[in-house]
Amino acid sequence: MTHHHLKIWPEYFLPKLAGVKPWEWRKEDDKKFAPGDFVTFTEVEPPPAEPTPTGRTLGPFAILYVFRPLERPGYCIFTHS
């Protein structure tokens, strides 16, 4: 069981805050997501600014399901609650 701390831009943070986006599409370059892991999202300013935290976080959420599409190796979609 791992606790992942992920950065997220405001345009994606706001739907999570509203409770309408209980999923996430991520590249799994240095981490592997698994059911039972936890994830916390930290809102950051989007490019071209440096990824500076805004001070808002959500979570921790439990990862419920992970889907790895064959046509996009190295990426996954996971659901959380």
C-alpha atoms as a PDB file:
ATOM      1  CA  MET A   1       0.000   0.000   0.000  1.00  0.00           C
ATOM      2  CA  THR A   2       1.441   3.355  -1.116  1.00  0.00           C
ATOM      3  CA  HIS A   3       0.350   6.954  -0.567  1.00  0.00           C
ATOM      4  CA  HIS A   4       0.857   8.947  -3.788  1.00  0.00           C
ATOM      5  CA  HIS A   5       1.111  12.752  -3.643  1.00  0.00           C
ATOM      6  CA  LEU A   6       0.167  14.203  -7.037  1.00  0.00           C
ATOM      7  CA  LYS A   7       0.208  17.732  -8.440  1.00  0.00           C
ATOM      8  CA  ILE A   8      -2.909  18.853 -10.312  1.00  0.00           C
ATOM      9  CA  TRP A   9      -3.797  22.007 -12.262  1.00  0.00           C
ATOM     10  CA  PRO A  10      -6.792  24.132 -11.171  1.00  0.00           C
ATOM     11  CA  GLU A  11      -8.909  23.166 -14.215  1.00  0.00           C
ATOM     12  CA  TYR A  12      -8.774  19.527 -13.059  1.00  0.00           C
ATOM     13  CA  PHE A  13      -8.766  20.247  -9.317  1.00  0.00           C
ATOM     14  CA  LEU A  14     -12.098  22.110  -9.390  1.00  0.00           C
ATOM     15  CA  PRO A  15     -14.160  19.152 -10.749  1.00  0.00           C
ATOM     16  CA  LYS A  16     -12.594  16.948  -8.060  1.00  0.00           C
ATOM     17  CA  LEU A  17     -13.498  19.555  -5.441  1.00  0.00           C
ATOM     18  CA  ALA A  18     -17.091  19.531  -6.754  1.00  0.00           C
ATOM     19  CA  GLY A  19     -17.144  15.720  -6.592  1.00  0.00           C
ATOM     20  CA  VAL A  20     -17.817  15.174 -10.312  1.00  0.00           C
ATOM     21  CA  LYS A  21     -14.403  13.758 -11.342  1.00  0.00           C
ATOM     22  CA  PRO A  22     -13.679  10.621  -9.266  1.00  0.00           C
ATOM     23  CA  TRP A  23     -11.101   9.374 -11.769  1.00  0.00           C
ATOM     24  CA  GLU A  24      -7.632  10.342 -12.974  1.00  0.00           C
ATOM     25  CA  TRP A  25      -5.564   9.744 -16.142  1.00  0.00           C
ATOM     26  CA  ARG A  26      -1.849   9.572 -15.305  1.00  0.00           C
ATOM     27  CA  LYS A  27       1.473   8.482 -16.719  1.00  0.00           C
ATOM     28  CA  GLU A  28       3.079   5.767 -14.619  1.00  0.00           C
ATOM     29  CA  ASP A  29       6.699   6.684 -15.208  1.00  0.00           C
ATOM     30  CA  ASP A  30       8.141   6.493 -11.692  1.00  0.00           C
ATOM     31  CA  LYS A  31       5.173   5.036  -9.833  1.00  0.00           C
ATOM     32  CA  LYS A  32       2.630   2.265 -10.182  1.00  0.00           C
ATOM     33  CA  PHE A  33      -0.908   2.829  -8.941  1.00  0.00           C
ATOM     34  CA  ALA A  34      -2.764  -0.103  -7.394  1.00  0.00           C
ATOM     35  CA  PRO A  35      -6.140  -0.687  -5.741  1.00  0.00           C
ATOM     36  CA  GLY A  36      -5.784  -0.058  -2.027  1.00  0.00           C
ATOM     37  CA  ASP A  37      -3.214   2.715  -2.494  1.00  0.00           C
ATOM     38  CA  PHE A  38      -4.035   6.253  -1.390  1.00  0.00           C
ATOM     39  CA  VAL A  39      -3.723   9.475  -3.358  1.00  0.00           C
ATOM     40  CA  THR A  40      -3.643  13.131  -2.281  1.00  0.00           C
ATOM     41  CA  PHE A  41      -3.913  15.924  -4.852  1.00  0.00           C
ATOM     42  CA  THR A  42      -2.145  19.283  -4.447  1.00  0.00           C
ATOM     43  CA  GLU A  43      -3.351  22.099  -6.690  1.00  0.00           C
ATOM     44  CA  VAL A  44      -0.498  23.884  -8.517  1.00  0.00           C
ATOM     45  CA  GLU A  45      -0.315  26.789 -10.951  1.00  0.00           C
ATOM     46  CA  PRO A  46      -0.276  25.564 -14.573  1.00  0.00           C
ATOM     47  CA  PRO A  47       2.457  26.357 -17.124  1.00  0.00           C
ATOM     48  CA  PRO A  48       4.033  28.662 -18.096  1.00  0.00           C
ATOM     49  CA  ALA A  49       4.343  29.379 -14.355  1.00  0.00           C
ATOM     50  CA  GLU A  50       6.464  27.176 -12.130  1.00  0.00           C
ATOM     51  CA  PRO A  51       4.364  24.412 -10.496  1.00  0.00           C
ATOM     52  CA  THR A  52       3.812  26.463  -7.335  1.00  0.00           C
ATOM     53  CA  PRO A  53       1.280  25.011  -4.865  1.00  0.00           C
ATOM     54  CA  THR A  54      -1.828  27.160  -4.364  1.00  0.00           C
ATOM     55  CA  GLY A  55      -2.288  25.841  -0.818  1.00  0.00           C
ATOM     56  CA  ARG A  56      -5.311  23.678  -1.627  1.00  0.00           C
ATOM     57  CA  THR A  57      -5.241  19.886  -1.317  1.00  0.00           C
ATOM     58  CA  LEU A  58      -7.777  17.078  -1.590  1.00  0.00           C
ATOM     59  CA  GLY A  59      -7.538  13.657  -0.082  1.00  0.00           C
ATOM     60  CA  PRO A  60      -6.410  11.234   0.858  1.00  0.00           C
ATOM     61  CA  PHE A  61      -8.606   9.125  -1.407  1.00  0.00           C
ATOM     62  CA  ALA A  62      -8.484   5.346  -1.739  1.00  0.00           C
ATOM     63  CA  ILE A  63      -7.732   4.041  -5.239  1.00  0.00           C
ATOM     64  CA  LEU A  64     -10.498   1.599  -6.151  1.00  0.00           C
ATOM     65  CA  TYR A  65      -9.747   0.448  -9.706  1.00  0.00           C
ATOM     66  CA  VAL A  66      -6.862   0.817 -12.164  1.00  0.00           C
ATOM     67  CA  PHE A  67      -7.210   0.418 -15.949  1.00  0.00           C
ATOM     68  CA  ARG A  68      -4.118   0.247 -18.172  1.00  0.00           C
ATOM     69  CA  PRO A  69      -5.086   0.619 -21.852  1.00  0.00           C
ATOM     70  CA  LEU A  70      -3.001  -1.579 -24.151  1.00  0.00           C
ATOM     71  CA  GLU A  71      -2.823   1.144 -26.815  1.00  0.00           C
ATOM     72  CA  ARG A  72      -1.189   3.599 -24.337  1.00  0.00           C
ATOM     73  CA  PRO A  73       1.610   1.734 -22.535  1.00  0.00           C
ATOM     74  CA  GLY A  74       2.877   3.524 -19.448  1.00  0.00           C
ATOM     75  CA  TYR A  75      -0.459   5.273 -18.768  1.00  0.00           C
ATOM     76  CA  CYS A  76      -3.408   4.373 -16.576  1.00  0.00           C
ATOM     77  CA  ILE A  77      -6.830   5.551 -15.524  1.00  0.00           C
ATOM     78  CA  PHE A  78      -7.755   5.032 -11.892  1.00  0.00           C
ATOM     79  CA  THR A  79     -10.911   5.651  -9.900  1.00  0.00           C
ATOM     80  CA  HIS A  80     -10.908   6.849  -6.307  1.00  0.00           C
ATOM     81  CA  SER A  81     -13.279   7.624  -3.456  1.00  0.00           C
END
